[in-house]
């Protein structure tokens, strides 16, 4: 079930990128996928304007696919 003793972000040494807890993704993942489906054209245009952030966009799209597969 993925039950954790404490639902929240752990403090990790030397971590530069913050990440959300599994609880946060469970709460807001469905809303995020719905918004992305509604705003696909705008999101694609914004992704093309920032090619240096492509790795982060790809990670986000991969997360969206995983969330959709769970729904």
N, C-alpha and C. Protein backbone atom coordinates (compact mmCIF):
# COMPACT_ATOMS: atom_id res chain seq x y z
N UNK A 1 0.82 -1.21 0.00
CA UNK A 1 0.00 0.00 0.00
C UNK A 1 0.85 1.25 0.00
N UNK A 2 2.09 1.15 0.34
CA UNK A 2 2.95 2.33 0.34
C UNK A 2 2.70 3.25 1.52
N UNK A 3 2.25 2.70 2.65
CA UNK A 3 1.98 3.52 3.82
C UNK A 3 3.30 3.90 4.48
N UNK A 4 3.42 5.18 4.78
CA UNK A 4 4.64 5.68 5.40
C UNK A 4 4.33 6.12 6.82
N UNK A 5 5.35 6.08 7.68
CA UNK A 5 5.16 6.55 9.05
C UNK A 5 4.90 8.05 9.07
N UNK A 6 5.63 8.78 8.30
CA UNK A 6 5.48 10.23 8.27
C UNK A 6 5.36 10.67 6.82
N UNK A 7 4.29 11.33 6.50
CA UNK A 7 4.08 11.78 5.13
C UNK A 7 4.63 13.19 5.01
N UNK A 8 5.72 13.32 4.34
CA UNK A 8 6.33 14.63 4.15
C UNK A 8 7.67 14.48 3.46
N UNK A 9 8.28 15.56 3.20
CA UNK A 9 9.56 15.56 2.51
C UNK A 9 10.68 15.25 3.49
N UNK A 10 11.54 14.35 3.11
CA UNK A 10 12.71 14.04 3.93
C UNK A 10 13.80 15.07 3.66
N UNK A 11 14.61 15.33 4.65
CA UNK A 11 15.75 16.22 4.46
C UNK A 11 16.92 15.38 3.95
N UNK A 12 17.37 15.69 2.74
CA UNK A 12 18.47 14.96 2.15
C UNK A 12 19.66 15.90 1.98
N UNK A 13 20.81 15.43 2.35
CA UNK A 13 22.02 16.23 2.21
C UNK A 13 22.42 16.29 0.74
N UNK A 14 22.92 17.41 0.32
CA UNK A 14 23.44 17.64 -1.03
C UNK A 14 22.40 17.45 -2.13
N UNK A 15 21.15 17.60 -1.83
CA UNK A 15 20.11 17.48 -2.87
C UNK A 15 19.80 18.87 -3.39
N UNK A 16 19.93 19.07 -4.70
CA UNK A 16 19.70 20.39 -5.27
C UNK A 16 18.26 20.57 -5.74
N UNK A 17 17.63 19.50 -6.22
CA UNK A 17 16.25 19.59 -6.71
C UNK A 17 15.30 19.09 -5.64
N UNK A 18 14.30 19.91 -5.33
CA UNK A 18 13.29 19.47 -4.37
C UNK A 18 12.31 18.55 -5.06
N UNK A 19 11.74 17.65 -4.32
CA UNK A 19 10.75 16.76 -4.91
C UNK A 19 9.56 16.62 -3.97
N UNK A 20 8.45 16.24 -4.53
CA UNK A 20 7.24 16.11 -3.75
C UNK A 20 7.14 14.71 -3.15
N UNK A 21 6.42 14.61 -2.05
CA UNK A 21 6.19 13.31 -1.45
C UNK A 21 5.18 12.53 -2.29
N UNK A 22 5.11 11.23 -2.08
CA UNK A 22 4.15 10.39 -2.80
C UNK A 22 2.73 10.80 -2.42
N UNK A 23 2.54 11.29 -1.22
CA UNK A 23 1.22 11.74 -0.78
C UNK A 23 0.76 12.94 -1.60
N UNK A 24 1.65 13.88 -1.85
CA UNK A 24 1.32 15.07 -2.63
C UNK A 24 0.94 14.67 -4.06
N UNK A 25 1.71 13.77 -4.65
CA UNK A 25 1.43 13.33 -6.01
C UNK A 25 0.07 12.64 -6.08
N UNK A 26 -0.25 11.86 -5.06
CA UNK A 26 -1.55 11.20 -5.02
C UNK A 26 -2.71 12.18 -4.93
N UNK A 27 -2.52 13.26 -4.20
CA UNK A 27 -3.58 14.26 -4.04
C UNK A 27 -3.77 15.10 -5.29
N UNK A 28 -2.69 15.54 -5.88
CA UNK A 28 -2.77 16.52 -6.95
C UNK A 28 -2.44 15.98 -8.34
N UNK A 29 -2.05 14.73 -8.44
CA UNK A 29 -1.67 14.17 -9.72
C UNK A 29 -2.80 14.16 -10.73
N UNK A 30 -4.00 13.80 -10.31
CA UNK A 30 -5.14 13.75 -11.21
C UNK A 30 -5.48 15.15 -11.73
N UNK A 31 -5.41 16.15 -10.86
CA UNK A 31 -5.66 17.52 -11.30
C UNK A 31 -4.61 17.99 -12.30
N UNK A 32 -3.39 17.61 -12.06
CA UNK A 32 -2.29 17.99 -12.95
C UNK A 32 -2.48 17.38 -14.34
N UNK A 33 -2.85 16.09 -14.38
CA UNK A 33 -3.07 15.43 -15.67
C UNK A 33 -4.24 16.08 -16.41
N UNK A 34 -5.32 16.38 -15.71
CA UNK A 34 -6.46 17.04 -16.34
C UNK A 34 -6.11 18.41 -16.90
N UNK A 35 -5.33 19.17 -16.14
CA UNK A 35 -4.92 20.50 -16.62
C UNK A 35 -4.00 20.37 -17.82
N UNK A 36 -3.12 19.39 -17.81
CA UNK A 36 -2.19 19.21 -18.93
C UNK A 36 -2.95 18.84 -20.19
N UNK A 37 -4.00 18.04 -20.05
CA UNK A 37 -4.80 17.68 -21.22
C UNK A 37 -5.53 18.89 -21.78
N UNK A 38 -5.96 19.79 -20.91
CA UNK A 38 -6.68 20.99 -21.35
C UNK A 38 -5.74 22.01 -22.00
N UNK A 39 -4.52 22.06 -21.54
CA UNK A 39 -3.58 23.09 -21.99
C UNK A 39 -2.40 22.51 -22.77
N UNK A 40 -2.61 21.45 -23.51
CA UNK A 40 -1.52 20.78 -24.22
C UNK A 40 -0.80 21.71 -25.19
N UNK A 41 -1.55 22.49 -25.96
CA UNK A 41 -0.93 23.37 -26.96
C UNK A 41 -0.05 24.43 -26.31
N UNK A 42 -0.56 25.04 -25.25
CA UNK A 42 0.22 26.06 -24.55
C UNK A 42 1.46 25.45 -23.90
N UNK A 43 1.30 24.28 -23.29
CA UNK A 43 2.45 23.62 -22.65
C UNK A 43 3.52 23.28 -23.67
N UNK A 44 3.11 22.79 -24.84
CA UNK A 44 4.08 22.45 -25.89
C UNK A 44 4.83 23.70 -26.36
N UNK A 45 4.11 24.80 -26.51
CA UNK A 45 4.75 26.04 -26.94
C UNK A 45 5.75 26.53 -25.89
N UNK A 46 5.40 26.42 -24.62
CA UNK A 46 6.32 26.85 -23.56
C UNK A 46 7.55 25.95 -23.49
N UNK A 47 7.36 24.65 -23.72
CA UNK A 47 8.50 23.73 -23.71
C UNK A 47 9.48 24.04 -24.84
N UNK A 48 8.97 24.49 -25.97
CA UNK A 48 9.84 24.80 -27.10
C UNK A 48 10.63 26.09 -26.88
N UNK A 49 10.12 26.97 -26.03
CA UNK A 49 10.83 28.23 -25.78
C UNK A 49 11.98 28.06 -24.80
N UNK A 50 12.00 26.96 -24.06
CA UNK A 50 13.06 26.72 -23.07
C UNK A 50 13.76 25.39 -23.34
N UNK A 51 14.57 25.29 -24.40
CA UNK A 51 15.21 24.01 -24.71
C UNK A 51 16.22 23.56 -23.64
N UNK A 52 16.75 24.50 -22.87
CA UNK A 52 17.70 24.12 -21.82
C UNK A 52 17.02 23.40 -20.65
N UNK A 53 15.71 23.47 -20.58
CA UNK A 53 14.96 22.80 -19.51
C UNK A 53 14.31 21.50 -20.00
N UNK A 54 14.74 21.00 -21.16
CA UNK A 54 14.12 19.83 -21.78
C UNK A 54 14.15 18.61 -20.86
N UNK A 55 15.24 18.41 -20.15
CA UNK A 55 15.35 17.26 -19.24
C UNK A 55 14.26 17.30 -18.18
N UNK A 56 14.00 18.48 -17.62
CA UNK A 56 12.97 18.62 -16.59
C UNK A 56 11.57 18.40 -17.18
N UNK A 57 11.35 18.88 -18.40
CA UNK A 57 10.06 18.67 -19.06
C UNK A 57 9.83 17.19 -19.31
N UNK A 58 10.88 16.49 -19.74
CA UNK A 58 10.75 15.06 -20.00
C UNK A 58 10.45 14.29 -18.73
N UNK A 59 11.06 14.68 -17.62
CA UNK A 59 10.77 14.04 -16.34
C UNK A 59 9.32 14.26 -15.93
N UNK A 60 8.83 15.48 -16.15
CA UNK A 60 7.44 15.78 -15.83
C UNK A 60 6.46 15.02 -16.69
N UNK A 61 6.76 14.90 -17.99
CA UNK A 61 5.89 14.14 -18.88
C UNK A 61 5.90 12.66 -18.52
N UNK A 62 7.04 12.15 -18.13
CA UNK A 62 7.13 10.74 -17.68
C UNK A 62 6.31 10.53 -16.43
N UNK A 63 6.36 11.46 -15.51
CA UNK A 63 5.55 11.37 -14.29
C UNK A 63 4.07 11.40 -14.63
N UNK A 64 3.69 12.22 -15.60
CA UNK A 64 2.30 12.29 -16.00
C UNK A 64 1.82 10.96 -16.59
N UNK A 65 2.66 10.32 -17.38
CA UNK A 65 2.31 9.01 -17.95
C UNK A 65 2.11 7.99 -16.84
N UNK A 66 2.97 8.01 -15.86
CA UNK A 66 2.85 7.08 -14.73
C UNK A 66 1.57 7.33 -13.93
N UNK A 67 1.23 8.58 -13.74
CA UNK A 67 0.00 8.91 -13.02
C UNK A 67 -1.22 8.45 -13.82
N UNK A 68 -1.19 8.67 -15.14
CA UNK A 68 -2.31 8.24 -15.98
C UNK A 68 -2.46 6.73 -15.98
N UNK A 69 -1.36 6.00 -15.92
CA UNK A 69 -1.45 4.55 -15.92
C UNK A 69 -2.05 4.03 -14.61
N UNK A 70 -1.89 4.79 -13.53
CA UNK A 70 -2.46 4.38 -12.25
C UNK A 70 -3.95 4.71 -12.14
N UNK A 71 -4.42 5.65 -12.95
CA UNK A 71 -5.83 6.04 -12.88
C UNK A 71 -6.62 5.09 -13.66
